[in-house]
C-alpha cells in the first residue's frame, strides 16, 4: 500500500480501482474504511464472514467514492498484502456472501468454473456417456465444444442403416 495525497489535498491511501491492477481505498476523515467493512460483516460459527449489506448475485459490494467494490476481493488484497488482484478468487466454502480471506483461493477462471456446480462443471466431471460407454481418447470425438461417444454413434448409424434398407 502506498500513501499519497488525494485530490482534496488530504493524506490517504490511494490505489487503482481495477481488479487486475491496484485497488482504490480512500480514507476520508469522516469515516474509517476498515470500520465500514467490519460493521457490515456477521461472523458465522462455521468460520464464514457473511456480508450483510448490499449484494448482487450473492457477492457483497461496498460503495466507495461513487464506485461499487467487490468486498471479498478487497479484503483478500488487504489481508494478503497483495498489490495485484488474482484473475479469479474461488470461494472454498461455496458461500458467495463469505468475505473471509482464508476461505478464498486464487485460481484461473477455468479452474474456478470447473470447481463449481454449473453446466460446464457438471458435464466436465462426467466420465461415461448416458449409455455407460467411457469418455476416453479412443471412444470420444468432438463436434464444436461438445463431446460425443463413438460407440453410441456406431449404434445409431447401424439402426439408421437398418431402417433405410427396410424401406
C-alpha atoms as a PDB file:
ATOM      1  CA  UNK A   1       0.000   0.000   0.000  1.00  0.00           C
ATOM      2  CA  UNK A   2       1.336   3.435  -0.799  1.00  0.00           C
ATOM      3  CA  UNK A   3       0.322   6.687   0.849  1.00  0.00           C
ATOM      4  CA  UNK A   4      -0.184   9.750  -1.305  1.00  0.00           C
ATOM      5  CA  UNK A   5      -2.132  12.975  -1.300  1.00  0.00           C
ATOM      6  CA  UNK A   6      -5.674  12.676  -2.601  1.00  0.00           C
ATOM      7  CA  UNK A   7      -7.328  15.235  -4.896  1.00  0.00           C
ATOM      8  CA  UNK A   8      -8.589  17.244  -1.936  1.00  0.00           C
ATOM      9  CA  UNK A   9      -5.048  17.561  -0.527  1.00  0.00           C
ATOM     10  CA  UNK A  10      -5.546  15.230   2.426  1.00  0.00           C
ATOM     11  CA  UNK A  11      -3.261  12.318   3.016  1.00  0.00           C
ATOM     12  CA  UNK A  12      -4.897   8.973   2.334  1.00  0.00           C
ATOM     13  CA  UNK A  13      -4.452   5.547   0.842  1.00  0.00           C
ATOM     14  CA  UNK A  14      -4.911   5.595  -2.898  1.00  0.00           C
ATOM     15  CA  UNK A  15      -4.609   2.549  -5.125  1.00  0.00           C
ATOM     16  CA  UNK A  16      -6.018   1.973  -8.600  1.00  0.00           C
ATOM     17  CA  UNK A  17      -9.634   0.656  -8.767  1.00  0.00           C
ATOM     18  CA  UNK A  18      -9.316  -2.112 -11.393  1.00  0.00           C
ATOM     19  CA  UNK A  19      -9.396  -5.744 -10.273  1.00  0.00           C
ATOM     20  CA  UNK A  20      -6.325  -6.599 -12.319  1.00  0.00           C
ATOM     21  CA  UNK A  21      -4.431  -3.559 -11.070  1.00  0.00           C
ATOM     22  CA  UNK A  22      -4.158  -1.909  -7.662  1.00  0.00           C
ATOM     23  CA  UNK A  23      -7.228  -1.056  -5.608  1.00  0.00           C
ATOM     24  CA  UNK A  24      -8.535   2.324  -4.517  1.00  0.00           C
ATOM     25  CA  UNK A  25      -9.418   2.720  -0.880  1.00  0.00           C
ATOM     26  CA  UNK A  26      -9.801   6.345   0.068  1.00  0.00           C
ATOM     27  CA  UNK A  27      -9.617   7.058   3.799  1.00  0.00           C
ATOM     28  CA  UNK A  28     -11.760  10.128   4.372  1.00  0.00           C
ATOM     29  CA  UNK A  29     -11.598  11.866   7.765  1.00  0.00           C
ATOM     30  CA  UNK A  30     -15.336  11.380   8.312  1.00  0.00           C
ATOM     31  CA  UNK A  31     -15.159   7.581   8.331  1.00  0.00           C
ATOM     32  CA  UNK A  32     -12.689   4.736   8.534  1.00  0.00           C
ATOM     33  CA  UNK A  33     -12.808   2.273   5.628  1.00  0.00           C
ATOM     34  CA  UNK A  34     -11.997  -0.810   7.704  1.00  0.00           C
ATOM     35  CA  UNK A  35     -14.635   0.135  10.283  1.00  0.00           C
ATOM     36  CA  UNK A  36     -17.197   0.401   7.454  1.00  0.00           C
ATOM     37  CA  UNK A  37     -16.186  -3.070   6.285  1.00  0.00           C
ATOM     38  CA  UNK A  38     -16.319  -4.784   9.672  1.00  0.00           C
ATOM     39  CA  UNK A  39     -19.628  -3.176  10.611  1.00  0.00           C
ATOM     40  CA  UNK A  40     -21.269  -4.983   7.680  1.00  0.00           C
ATOM     41  CA  UNK A  41     -19.878  -8.446   8.430  1.00  0.00           C
ATOM     42  CA  UNK A  42     -21.585 -11.145  10.512  1.00  0.00           C
ATOM     43  CA  UNK A  43     -19.132 -13.697  11.869  1.00  0.00           C
ATOM     44  CA  UNK A  44     -20.661 -17.148  11.391  1.00  0.00           C
ATOM     45  CA  UNK A  45     -19.786 -20.093  13.721  1.00  0.00           C
ATOM     46  CA  UNK A  46     -18.706 -22.065  10.619  1.00  0.00           C
ATOM     47  CA  UNK A  47     -15.859 -19.590  10.089  1.00  0.00           C
ATOM     48  CA  UNK A  48     -17.518 -17.667   7.262  1.00  0.00           C
ATOM     49  CA  UNK A  49     -17.624 -13.876   7.388  1.00  0.00           C
ATOM     50  CA  UNK A  50     -21.063 -13.166   5.924  1.00  0.00           C
ATOM     51  CA  UNK A  51     -21.547  -9.827   4.166  1.00  0.00           C
ATOM     52  CA  UNK A  52     -24.914  -8.474   5.324  1.00  0.00           C
ATOM     53  CA  UNK A  53     -25.024  -5.250   3.297  1.00  0.00           C
ATOM     54  CA  UNK A  54     -25.594  -4.798  -0.451  1.00  0.00           C
ATOM     55  CA  UNK A  55     -25.248  -7.981  -2.518  1.00  0.00           C
ATOM     56  CA  UNK A  56     -25.552  -8.700  -6.224  1.00  0.00           C
ATOM     57  CA  UNK A  57     -25.716 -12.322  -7.445  1.00  0.00           C
ATOM     58  CA  UNK A  58     -24.717 -13.331  -3.913  1.00  0.00           C
ATOM     59  CA  UNK A  59     -21.453 -11.348  -3.812  1.00  0.00           C
ATOM     60  CA  UNK A  60     -21.019  -8.443  -1.387  1.00  0.00           C
ATOM     61  CA  UNK A  61     -20.469  -4.905  -2.683  1.00  0.00           C
ATOM     62  CA  UNK A  62     -19.499  -1.696  -0.903  1.00  0.00           C
ATOM     63  CA  UNK A  63     -19.815   1.812  -2.305  1.00  0.00           C
ATOM     64  CA  UNK A  64     -16.596   3.841  -2.064  1.00  0.00           C
ATOM     65  CA  UNK A  65     -16.054   7.165  -3.842  1.00  0.00           C
ATOM     66  CA  UNK A  66     -19.007   6.614  -6.150  1.00  0.00           C
ATOM     67  CA  UNK A  67     -17.948   3.083  -7.176  1.00  0.00           C
ATOM     68  CA  UNK A  68     -19.089  -0.331  -6.019  1.00  0.00           C
ATOM     69  CA  UNK A  69     -16.216  -2.553  -4.897  1.00  0.00           C
ATOM     70  CA  UNK A  70     -16.385  -6.330  -4.557  1.00  0.00           C
ATOM     71  CA  UNK A  71     -15.767  -6.820  -0.863  1.00  0.00           C
ATOM     72  CA  UNK A  72     -14.307 -10.330  -0.956  1.00  0.00           C
ATOM     73  CA  UNK A  73     -11.654  -9.224  -3.471  1.00  0.00           C
ATOM     74  CA  UNK A  74     -10.768  -6.092  -1.476  1.00  0.00           C
ATOM     75  CA  UNK A  75     -10.459  -7.944   1.826  1.00  0.00           C
ATOM     76  CA  UNK A  76      -8.317 -10.603   0.141  1.00  0.00           C
ATOM     77  CA  UNK A  77      -5.951  -7.919  -1.174  1.00  0.00           C
ATOM     78  CA  UNK A  78      -5.791  -6.222   2.228  1.00  0.00           C
ATOM     79  CA  UNK A  79      -5.265  -9.468   4.177  1.00  0.00           C
ATOM     80  CA  UNK A  80      -2.680 -10.954   1.811  1.00  0.00           C
ATOM     81  CA  UNK A  81      -0.988  -7.549   1.334  1.00  0.00           C
ATOM     82  CA  UNK A  82      -1.058  -8.119  -2.408  1.00  0.00           C
ATOM     83  CA  UNK A  83      -0.921  -5.089  -4.726  1.00  0.00           C
ATOM     84  CA  UNK A  84      -2.275  -7.045  -7.701  1.00  0.00           C
ATOM     85  CA  UNK A  85      -5.576  -8.931  -7.687  1.00  0.00           C
ATOM     86  CA  UNK A  86      -5.603 -12.536  -8.905  1.00  0.00           C
ATOM     87  CA  UNK A  87      -7.613 -13.296 -12.015  1.00  0.00           C
ATOM     88  CA  UNK A  88     -10.261 -15.231 -10.107  1.00  0.00           C
ATOM     89  CA  UNK A  89     -10.933 -15.992  -6.443  1.00  0.00           C
ATOM     90  CA  UNK A  90     -12.610 -19.284  -5.602  1.00  0.00           C
ATOM     91  CA  UNK A  91     -14.818 -19.467  -2.501  1.00  0.00           C
ATOM     92  CA  UNK A  92     -13.663 -22.723  -0.907  1.00  0.00           C
ATOM     93  CA  UNK A  93     -16.673 -22.642   1.435  1.00  0.00           C
ATOM     94  CA  UNK A  94     -19.035 -22.341  -1.633  1.00  0.00           C
ATOM     95  CA  UNK A  95     -20.737 -19.333   0.020  1.00  0.00           C
ATOM     96  CA  UNK A  96     -20.712 -16.275  -2.251  1.00  0.00           C
ATOM     97  CA  UNK A  97     -21.563 -13.917   0.620  1.00  0.00           C
ATOM     98  CA  UNK A  98     -18.464 -15.025   2.567  1.00  0.00           C
ATOM     99  CA  UNK A  99     -15.676 -12.424   2.633  1.00  0.00           C
ATOM    100  CA  UNK A 100     -13.211 -14.343   4.842  1.00  0.00           C
ATOM    101  CA  UNK A 101      -9.810 -14.175   3.069  1.00  0.00           C
ATOM    102  CA  UNK A 102      -8.913 -17.622   4.430  1.00  0.00           C
ATOM    103  CA  UNK A 103     -11.882 -19.077   2.512  1.00  0.00           C
ATOM    104  CA  UNK A 104     -10.659 -17.636  -0.791  1.00  0.00           C
ATOM    105  CA  UNK A 105      -8.123 -19.164  -3.144  1.00  0.00           C
ATOM    106  CA  UNK A 106      -6.684 -17.537  -6.273  1.00  0.00           C
ATOM    107  CA  UNK A 107      -7.350 -19.694  -9.330  1.00  0.00           C
ATOM    108  CA  UNK A 108      -7.729 -19.404 -13.060  1.00  0.00           C
ATOM    109  CA  UNK A 109     -11.192 -18.697 -14.419  1.00  0.00           C
ATOM    110  CA  UNK A 110     -11.303 -22.193 -15.967  1.00  0.00           C
ATOM    111  CA  UNK A 111     -10.389 -23.940 -12.700  1.00  0.00           C
ATOM    112  CA  UNK A 112     -12.913 -21.842 -10.774  1.00  0.00           C
ATOM    113  CA  UNK A 113     -15.653 -22.720 -13.289  1.00  0.00           C
ATOM    114  CA  UNK A 114     -14.846 -26.440 -13.196  1.00  0.00           C
ATOM    115  CA  UNK A 115     -14.955 -26.452  -9.371  1.00  0.00           C
ATOM    116  CA  UNK A 116     -18.475 -25.013  -9.459  1.00  0.00           C
ATOM    117  CA  UNK A 117     -21.905 -26.551  -9.984  1.00  0.00           C
ATOM    118  CA  UNK A 118     -22.829 -25.049 -13.379  1.00  0.00           C
ATOM    119  CA  UNK A 119     -23.480 -26.944 -16.618  1.00  0.00           C
ATOM    120  CA  UNK A 120     -19.846 -26.774 -17.742  1.00  0.00           C
ATOM    121  CA  UNK A 121     -18.582 -28.175 -14.425  1.00  0.00           C
ATOM    122  CA  UNK A 122     -21.190 -30.951 -14.252  1.00  0.00           C
ATOM    123  CA  UNK A 123     -20.536 -32.078 -17.837  1.00  0.00           C
ATOM    124  CA  UNK A 124     -16.753 -31.881 -17.458  1.00  0.00           C
ATOM    125  CA  UNK A 125     -16.917 -34.274 -14.480  1.00  0.00           C
ATOM    126  CA  UNK A 126     -18.790 -36.919 -16.488  1.00  0.00           C
ATOM    127  CA  UNK A 127     -16.572 -39.888 -17.335  1.00  0.00           C
ATOM    128  CA  UNK A 128     -19.164 -42.008 -19.184  1.00  0.00           C
ATOM    129  CA  UNK A 129     -21.917 -41.343 -21.711  1.00  0.00           C
ATOM    130  CA  UNK A 130     -25.574 -41.898 -20.662  1.00  0.00           C
ATOM    131  CA  UNK A 131     -25.382 -45.486 -22.031  1.00  0.00           C
ATOM    132  CA  UNK A 132     -22.307 -46.266 -19.919  1.00  0.00           C
ATOM    133  CA  UNK A 133     -19.523 -46.072 -22.533  1.00  0.00           C
ATOM    134  CA  UNK A 134     -16.361 -44.347 -21.275  1.00  0.00           C
ATOM    135  CA  UNK A 135     -15.345 -40.895 -22.430  1.00  0.00           C
ATOM    136  CA  UNK A 136     -11.713 -41.614 -23.298  1.00  0.00           C
ATOM    137  CA  UNK A 137      -9.389 -40.701 -26.156  1.00  0.00           C
ATOM    138  CA  UNK A 138     -10.379 -43.706 -28.285  1.00  0.00           C
ATOM    139  CA  UNK A 139     -14.152 -43.563 -27.757  1.00  0.00           C
ATOM    140  CA  UNK A 140     -14.691 -39.783 -27.826  1.00  0.00           C
ATOM    141  CA  UNK A 141     -14.939 -37.292 -30.678  1.00  0.00           C
ATOM    142  CA  UNK A 142     -15.738 -33.597 -30.593  1.00  0.00           C
ATOM    143  CA  UNK A 143     -18.156 -31.562 -32.680  1.00  0.00           C
ATOM    144  CA  UNK A 144     -17.633 -27.920 -31.795  1.00  0.00           C
ATOM    145  CA  UNK A 145     -17.423 -27.775 -27.994  1.00  0.00           C
ATOM    146  CA  UNK A 146     -19.386 -30.983 -27.365  1.00  0.00           C
ATOM    147  CA  UNK A 147     -18.161 -34.496 -26.617  1.00  0.00           C
ATOM    148  CA  UNK A 148     -19.785 -37.432 -28.389  1.00  0.00           C
ATOM    149  CA  UNK A 149     -19.469 -41.166 -27.834  1.00  0.00           C
ATOM    150  CA  UNK A 150     -18.177 -43.162 -30.853  1.00  0.00           C
ATOM    151  CA  UNK A 151     -19.815 -46.403 -29.633  1.00  0.00           C
ATOM    152  CA  UNK A 152     -23.236 -44.745 -29.387  1.00  0.00           C
ATOM    153  CA  UNK A 153     -22.709 -43.128 -32.795  1.00  0.00           C
ATOM    154  CA  UNK A 154     -21.965 -46.538 -34.353  1.00  0.00           C
ATOM    155  CA  UNK A 155     -25.126 -47.997 -32.778  1.00  0.00           C
ATOM    156  CA  UNK A 156     -27.247 -45.090 -34.075  1.00  0.00           C
ATOM    157  CA  UNK A 157     -25.650 -45.414 -37.509  1.00  0.00           C
ATOM    158  CA  UNK A 158     -26.463 -49.145 -37.711  1.00  0.00           C
ATOM    159  CA  UNK A 159     -30.094 -48.551 -36.656  1.00  0.00           C
ATOM    160  CA  UNK A 160     -30.415 -45.817 -39.272  1.00  0.00           C
ATOM    161  CA  UNK A 161     -28.996 -48.109 -41.991  1.00  0.00           C
ATOM    162  CA  UNK A 162     -31.417 -50.915 -40.999  1.00  0.00           C
ATOM    163  CA  UNK A 163     -34.385 -48.533 -41.199  1.00  0.00           C
ATOM    164  CA  UNK A 164     -33.151 -47.159 -44.515  1.00  0.00           C
ATOM    165  CA  UNK A 165     -32.718 -50.671 -46.022  1.00  0.00           C
ATOM    166  CA  UNK A 166     -36.085 -51.864 -44.671  1.00  0.00           C
ATOM    167  CA  UNK A 167     -37.991 -49.237 -46.660  1.00  0.00           C
END
